[in-house]
Amino acid sequence: MKLSELLNNGLIEKIPVSIDKARHSISITKSLRLPHLKRCGLFGTLGCSKFNSILKDGVFSKNFDISKRDLDTAEHLLDKQDFDWCFSVAYNAMLQVGRSIMWINGYRPKGSSSHISIIEFVKALNLDDMSMHTFLLNKMRQKRHLLVYEEAGVISKGEAESALKQARSFIDKIKKVLKI
């Protein structure tokens, strides 16, 4: 889906982006020059002083902080052989990073399908080599729904390990794309 389709279908909504919101949303890098940020008039091109000041402050997203916490927790849950929750928490780590990308671009999920909205938003950005990551994230979303709302004990050790590996890979890829 394209961003315009996500907006028209009510899956996401445009929000005002300010430098303060961005500070709490994601660390802004010199390489991030998405068109809608420019249209907002808040972030310019590479030499923008707002970019530089945020980079110097080393500001990171609270969503990235949550994702790091979730990765640590998922690792602990794996060690404790709580595979369902390891899987769910690894998925949440990925979701938080996707939410950060939405916020920095001036969007947020809308309605009851926020997880789907986040995944579709990341897809719509056409970030380098993210199609497999978003495909797997969506599969994890479906499986997580099953284990949280319908059935316990559905995740094997291998699936939990794979989910944790996928979460790390997804987050590392986003950090690489954003040059964080």
C-alpha atoms as a PDB file:
ATOM      1  CA  MET A   1       0.000   0.000   0.000  1.00  0.00           C
ATOM      2  CA  LYS A   2       1.107   3.564  -0.628  1.00  0.00           C
ATOM      3  CA  LEU A   3       1.062   6.220   2.078  1.00  0.00           C
ATOM      4  CA  SER A   4      -1.890   7.907   0.396  1.00  0.00           C
ATOM      5  CA  GLU A   5      -3.846   4.641   0.525  1.00  0.00           C
ATOM      6  CA  LEU A   6      -3.004   4.157   4.199  1.00  0.00           C
ATOM      7  CA  LEU A   7      -4.306   7.671   4.881  1.00  0.00           C
ATOM      8  CA  ASN A   8      -7.436   7.255   2.760  1.00  0.00           C
ATOM      9  CA  ASN A   9      -8.244   3.886   4.361  1.00  0.00           C
ATOM     10  CA  GLY A  10      -7.993   5.410   7.843  1.00  0.00           C
ATOM     11  CA  LEU A  11      -5.067   3.213   8.920  1.00  0.00           C
ATOM     12  CA  ILE A  12      -2.785   6.148   9.670  1.00  0.00           C
ATOM     13  CA  GLU A  13      -3.204   9.839  10.306  1.00  0.00           C
ATOM     14  CA  LYS A  14      -0.943  12.806   9.747  1.00  0.00           C
ATOM     15  CA  ILE A  15       0.261  14.551  12.879  1.00  0.00           C
ATOM     16  CA  PRO A  16       2.161  17.788  13.338  1.00  0.00           C
ATOM     17  CA  VAL A  17       5.872  17.172  13.656  1.00  0.00           C
ATOM     18  CA  SER A  18       7.934  19.462  15.788  1.00  0.00           C
ATOM     19  CA  ILE A  19      11.552  19.280  16.825  1.00  0.00           C
ATOM     20  CA  ASP A  20      10.432  18.394  20.361  1.00  0.00           C
ATOM     21  CA  LYS A  21       8.273  15.511  19.121  1.00  0.00           C
ATOM     22  CA  ALA A  22      11.172  14.339  16.991  1.00  0.00           C
ATOM     23  CA  ARG A  23      13.498  14.370  19.999  1.00  0.00           C
ATOM     24  CA  HIS A  24      11.159  11.945  21.744  1.00  0.00           C
ATOM     25  CA  SER A  25      10.434   9.998  18.626  1.00  0.00           C
ATOM     26  CA  ILE A  26      13.746   9.093  17.022  1.00  0.00           C
ATOM     27  CA  SER A  27      17.303  10.227  16.690  1.00  0.00           C
ATOM     28  CA  ILE A  28      17.493  12.273  13.505  1.00  0.00           C
ATOM     29  CA  THR A  29      20.451  11.652  11.268  1.00  0.00           C
ATOM     30  CA  LYS A  30      22.033  13.637   8.478  1.00  0.00           C
ATOM     31  CA  SER A  31      21.128  10.986   5.968  1.00  0.00           C
ATOM     32  CA  LEU A  32      17.382  11.021   6.688  1.00  0.00           C
ATOM     33  CA  ARG A  33      15.878  13.315   4.082  1.00  0.00           C
ATOM     34  CA  LEU A  34      12.370  12.023   3.506  1.00  0.00           C
ATOM     35  CA  PRO A  35      10.146  14.249   1.369  1.00  0.00           C
ATOM     36  CA  HIS A  36       7.385  14.749   3.930  1.00  0.00           C
ATOM     37  CA  LEU A  37       9.901  16.042   6.482  1.00  0.00           C
ATOM     38  CA  LYS A  38      10.984  18.674   3.998  1.00  0.00           C
ATOM     39  CA  ARG A  39       7.372  19.622   3.265  1.00  0.00           C
ATOM     40  CA  CYS A  40       6.802  20.245   6.969  1.00  0.00           C
ATOM     41  CA  GLY A  41       9.575  22.818   6.754  1.00  0.00           C
ATOM     42  CA  LEU A  42      11.116  21.517   9.955  1.00  0.00           C
ATOM     43  CA  PHE A  43      14.065  19.622   8.598  1.00  0.00           C
ATOM     44  CA  GLY A  44      16.109  20.748   5.675  1.00  0.00           C
ATOM     45  CA  THR A  45      18.978  19.196   3.848  1.00  0.00           C
ATOM     46  CA  LEU A  46      22.194  17.736   5.104  1.00  0.00           C
ATOM     47  CA  GLY A  47      23.642  20.851   6.679  1.00  0.00           C
ATOM     48  CA  CYS A  48      20.578  21.749   8.745  1.00  0.00           C
ATOM     49  CA  SER A  49      21.563  23.014  12.178  1.00  0.00           C
ATOM     50  CA  LYS A  50      18.598  21.240  13.787  1.00  0.00           C
ATOM     51  CA  PHE A  51      19.914  17.928  12.481  1.00  0.00           C
ATOM     52  CA  ASN A  52      23.389  18.704  13.740  1.00  0.00           C
ATOM     53  CA  SER A  53      22.272  19.808  17.199  1.00  0.00           C
ATOM     54  CA  ILE A  54      20.211  16.674  17.679  1.00  0.00           C
ATOM     55  CA  LEU A  55      23.084  14.507  16.486  1.00  0.00           C
ATOM     56  CA  LYS A  56      25.457  16.200  18.937  1.00  0.00           C
ATOM     57  CA  ASP A  57      23.016  15.645  21.791  1.00  0.00           C
ATOM     58  CA  GLY A  58      22.956  11.936  20.959  1.00  0.00           C
ATOM     59  CA  VAL A  59      19.180  11.881  21.331  1.00  0.00           C
ATOM     60  CA  PHE A  60      17.647   8.448  20.803  1.00  0.00           C
ATOM     61  CA  SER A  61      14.052   7.488  20.552  1.00  0.00           C
ATOM     62  CA  LYS A  62      12.204   6.298  23.586  1.00  0.00           C
ATOM     63  CA  ASN A  63      10.810   3.710  21.175  1.00  0.00           C
ATOM     64  CA  PHE A  64      14.361   2.579  20.409  1.00  0.00           C
ATOM     65  CA  ASP A  65      14.969   2.432  24.164  1.00  0.00           C
ATOM     66  CA  ILE A  66      11.854   0.281  24.514  1.00  0.00           C
ATOM     67  CA  SER A  67      13.044  -1.968  21.699  1.00  0.00           C
ATOM     68  CA  LYS A  68      16.402  -2.461  23.431  1.00  0.00           C
ATOM     69  CA  ARG A  69      14.622  -3.253  26.686  1.00  0.00           C
ATOM     70  CA  ASP A  70      12.383  -5.701  24.848  1.00  0.00           C
ATOM     71  CA  LEU A  71      15.322  -7.450  23.187  1.00  0.00           C
ATOM     72  CA  ASP A  72      16.984  -7.873  26.593  1.00  0.00           C
ATOM     73  CA  THR A  73      13.727  -9.161  28.072  1.00  0.00           C
ATOM     74  CA  ALA A  74      13.163 -11.562  25.166  1.00  0.00           C
ATOM     75  CA  GLU A  75      16.679 -12.933  25.673  1.00  0.00           C
ATOM     76  CA  HIS A  76      15.941 -13.473  29.370  1.00  0.00           C
ATOM     77  CA  LEU A  77      12.624 -15.170  28.547  1.00  0.00           C
ATOM     78  CA  LEU A  78      14.388 -17.449  26.077  1.00  0.00           C
ATOM     79  CA  ASP A  79      16.858 -18.459  28.782  1.00  0.00           C
ATOM     80  CA  LYS A  80      13.898 -19.199  31.082  1.00  0.00           C
ATOM     81  CA  GLN A  81      12.303 -21.264  28.292  1.00  0.00           C
ATOM     82  CA  ASP A  82       9.232 -19.039  28.130  1.00  0.00           C
ATOM     83  CA  PHE A  83       9.071 -19.266  24.348  1.00  0.00           C
ATOM     84  CA  ASP A  84       5.619 -17.726  23.827  1.00  0.00           C
ATOM     85  CA  TRP A  85       6.517 -14.532  25.640  1.00  0.00           C
ATOM     86  CA  CYS A  86      10.017 -14.421  24.151  1.00  0.00           C
ATOM     87  CA  PHE A  87       8.386 -14.426  20.722  1.00  0.00           C
ATOM     88  CA  SER A  88       5.806 -11.800  21.688  1.00  0.00           C
ATOM     89  CA  VAL A  89       8.347  -9.456  23.254  1.00  0.00           C
ATOM     90  CA  ALA A  90      10.740  -9.815  20.284  1.00  0.00           C
ATOM     91  CA  TYR A  91       7.840  -8.866  18.020  1.00  0.00           C
ATOM     92  CA  ASN A  92       7.098  -5.845  20.209  1.00  0.00           C
ATOM     93  CA  ALA A  93      10.720  -4.682  19.890  1.00  0.00           C
ATOM     94  CA  MET A  94      10.269  -4.589  16.112  1.00  0.00           C
ATOM     95  CA  LEU A  95       6.918  -2.870  16.395  1.00  0.00           C
ATOM     96  CA  GLN A  96       8.376  -0.072  18.537  1.00  0.00           C
ATOM     97  CA  VAL A  97      11.020   0.689  15.920  1.00  0.00           C
ATOM     98  CA  GLY A  98       8.329   0.793  13.235  1.00  0.00           C
ATOM     99  CA  ARG A  99       6.319   3.198  15.393  1.00  0.00           C
ATOM    100  CA  SER A 100       9.398   5.442  15.676  1.00  0.00           C
ATOM    101  CA  ILE A 101       9.699   5.593  11.907  1.00  0.00           C
ATOM    102  CA  MET A 102       6.058   6.648  11.663  1.00  0.00           C
ATOM    103  CA  TRP A 103       6.422   9.404  14.263  1.00  0.00           C
ATOM    104  CA  ILE A 104       9.543  10.897  12.718  1.00  0.00           C
ATOM    105  CA  ASN A 105       7.723  11.066   9.404  1.00  0.00           C
ATOM    106  CA  GLY A 106       4.757  12.818  10.971  1.00  0.00           C
ATOM    107  CA  TYR A 107       2.330   9.892  11.097  1.00  0.00           C
ATOM    108  CA  ARG A 108       0.787   7.660  13.704  1.00  0.00           C
ATOM    109  CA  PRO A 109      -1.356   4.545  13.530  1.00  0.00           C
ATOM    110  CA  LYS A 110      -5.080   5.152  13.626  1.00  0.00           C
ATOM    111  CA  GLY A 111      -7.907   2.867  14.616  1.00  0.00           C
ATOM    112  CA  SER A 112      -7.873  -0.647  15.939  1.00  0.00           C
ATOM    113  CA  SER A 113      -5.393  -2.032  13.403  1.00  0.00           C
ATOM    114  CA  SER A 114      -2.318  -0.181  14.631  1.00  0.00           C
ATOM    115  CA  HIS A 115       0.026  -3.146  14.238  1.00  0.00           C
ATOM    116  CA  ILE A 116      -1.009  -3.621  10.607  1.00  0.00           C
ATOM    117  CA  SER A 117      -0.742   0.132  10.025  1.00  0.00           C
ATOM    118  CA  ILE A 118       2.844   0.190  11.286  1.00  0.00           C
ATOM    119  CA  ILE A 119       3.863  -2.740   9.105  1.00  0.00           C
ATOM    120  CA  GLU A 120       2.185  -1.267   6.028  1.00  0.00           C
ATOM    121  CA  PHE A 121       3.796   2.116   6.711  1.00  0.00           C
ATOM    122  CA  VAL A 122       7.286   0.601   6.838  1.00  0.00           C
ATOM    123  CA  LYS A 123       6.501  -1.238   3.586  1.00  0.00           C
ATOM    124  CA  ALA A 124       5.270   1.981   1.954  1.00  0.00           C
ATOM    125  CA  LEU A 125       8.543   3.763   2.658  1.00  0.00           C
ATOM    126  CA  ASN A 126      10.371   1.298   0.386  1.00  0.00           C
ATOM    127  CA  LEU A 127      13.438   1.306   2.587  1.00  0.00           C
ATOM    128  CA  ASP A 128      16.431  -0.583   1.227  1.00  0.00           C
ATOM    129  CA  ASP A 129      16.030  -4.340   1.413  1.00  0.00           C
ATOM    130  CA  MET A 130      13.170  -4.310   3.944  1.00  0.00           C
ATOM    131  CA  SER A 131      10.571  -6.372   2.074  1.00  0.00           C
ATOM    132  CA  MET A 132      11.597  -9.682   3.677  1.00  0.00           C
ATOM    133  CA  HIS A 133      11.742  -8.027   7.100  1.00  0.00           C
ATOM    134  CA  THR A 134       8.247  -6.593   6.779  1.00  0.00           C
ATOM    135  CA  PHE A 135       6.948  -9.906   5.435  1.00  0.00           C
ATOM    136  CA  LEU A 136       8.352 -11.733   8.469  1.00  0.00           C
ATOM    137  CA  LEU A 137       7.124  -9.009  10.818  1.00  0.00           C
ATOM    138  CA  ASN A 138       3.602  -9.516   9.506  1.00  0.00           C
ATOM    139  CA  LYS A 139       3.881 -13.296   9.949  1.00  0.00           C
ATOM    140  CA  MET A 140       5.082 -12.706  13.506  1.00  0.00           C
ATOM    141  CA  ARG A 141       2.109 -10.392  14.084  1.00  0.00           C
ATOM    142  CA  GLN A 142      -0.290 -13.152  13.090  1.00  0.00           C
ATOM    143  CA  LYS A 143       1.425 -15.743  15.259  1.00  0.00           C
ATOM    144  CA  ARG A 144       1.654 -13.348  18.202  1.00  0.00           C
ATOM    145  CA  HIS A 145      -2.092 -12.722  17.964  1.00  0.00           C
ATOM    146  CA  LEU A 146      -2.692 -16.447  18.198  1.00  0.00           C
ATOM    147  CA  LEU A 147      -0.485 -16.953  21.242  1.00  0.00           C
ATOM    148  CA  VAL A 148      -1.688 -13.870  23.128  1.00  0.00           C
ATOM    149  CA  TYR A 149      -5.415 -14.200  22.511  1.00  0.00           C
ATOM    150  CA  GLU A 150      -6.167 -17.781  21.593  1.00  0.00           C
ATOM    151  CA  GLU A 151      -3.704 -20.489  22.550  1.00  0.00           C
ATOM    152  CA  ALA A 152      -0.760 -20.893  24.914  1.00  0.00           C
ATOM    153  CA  GLY A 153       2.309 -22.983  24.200  1.00  0.00           C
ATOM    154  CA  VAL A 154       2.325 -22.569  20.419  1.00  0.00           C
ATOM    155  CA  ILE A 155       5.904 -21.306  20.065  1.00  0.00           C
ATOM    156  CA  SER A 156       8.795 -23.751  19.934  1.00  0.00           C
ATOM    157  CA  LYS A 157      12.304 -22.975  21.130  1.00  0.00           C
ATOM    158  CA  GLY A 158      13.434 -22.692  17.504  1.00  0.00           C
ATOM    159  CA  GLU A 159      10.658 -20.211  16.694  1.00  0.00           C
ATOM    160  CA  ALA A 160      11.534 -18.125  19.752  1.00  0.00           C
ATOM    161  CA  GLU A 161      15.215 -18.095  18.794  1.00  0.00           C
ATOM    162  CA  SER A 162      14.308 -17.190  15.224  1.00  0.00           C
ATOM    163  CA  ALA A 163      12.018 -14.372  16.395  1.00  0.00           C
ATOM    164  CA  LEU A 164      14.774 -12.915  18.548  1.00  0.00           C
ATOM    165  CA  LYS A 165      17.240 -13.146  15.663  1.00  0.00           C
ATOM    166  CA  GLN A 166      14.705 -11.537  13.296  1.00  0.00           C
ATOM    167  CA  ALA A 167      14.022  -8.716  15.758  1.00  0.00           C
ATOM    168  CA  ARG A 168      17.735  -7.937  16.072  1.00  0.00           C
ATOM    169  CA  SER A 169      18.147  -8.047  12.298  1.00  0.00           C
ATOM    170  CA  PHE A 170      15.137  -5.777  11.704  1.00  0.00           C
ATOM    171  CA  ILE A 171      16.286  -3.209  14.276  1.00  0.00           C
ATOM    172  CA  ASP A 172      19.883  -3.308  13.020  1.00  0.00           C
ATOM    173  CA  LYS A 173      18.643  -2.799   9.450  1.00  0.00           C
ATOM    174  CA  ILE A 174      16.541   0.214  10.456  1.00  0.00           C
ATOM    175  CA  LYS A 175      19.482   1.679  12.376  1.00  0.00           C
ATOM    176  CA  LYS A 176      21.704   1.133   9.319  1.00  0.00           C
ATOM    177  CA  VAL A 177      19.170   2.795   7.002  1.00  0.00           C
ATOM    178  CA  LEU A 178      18.828   5.732   9.417  1.00  0.00           C
ATOM    179  CA  LYS A 179      22.566   5.705  10.179  1.00  0.00           C
ATOM    180  CA  ILE A 180      21.980   5.671  13.915  1.00  0.00           C
END
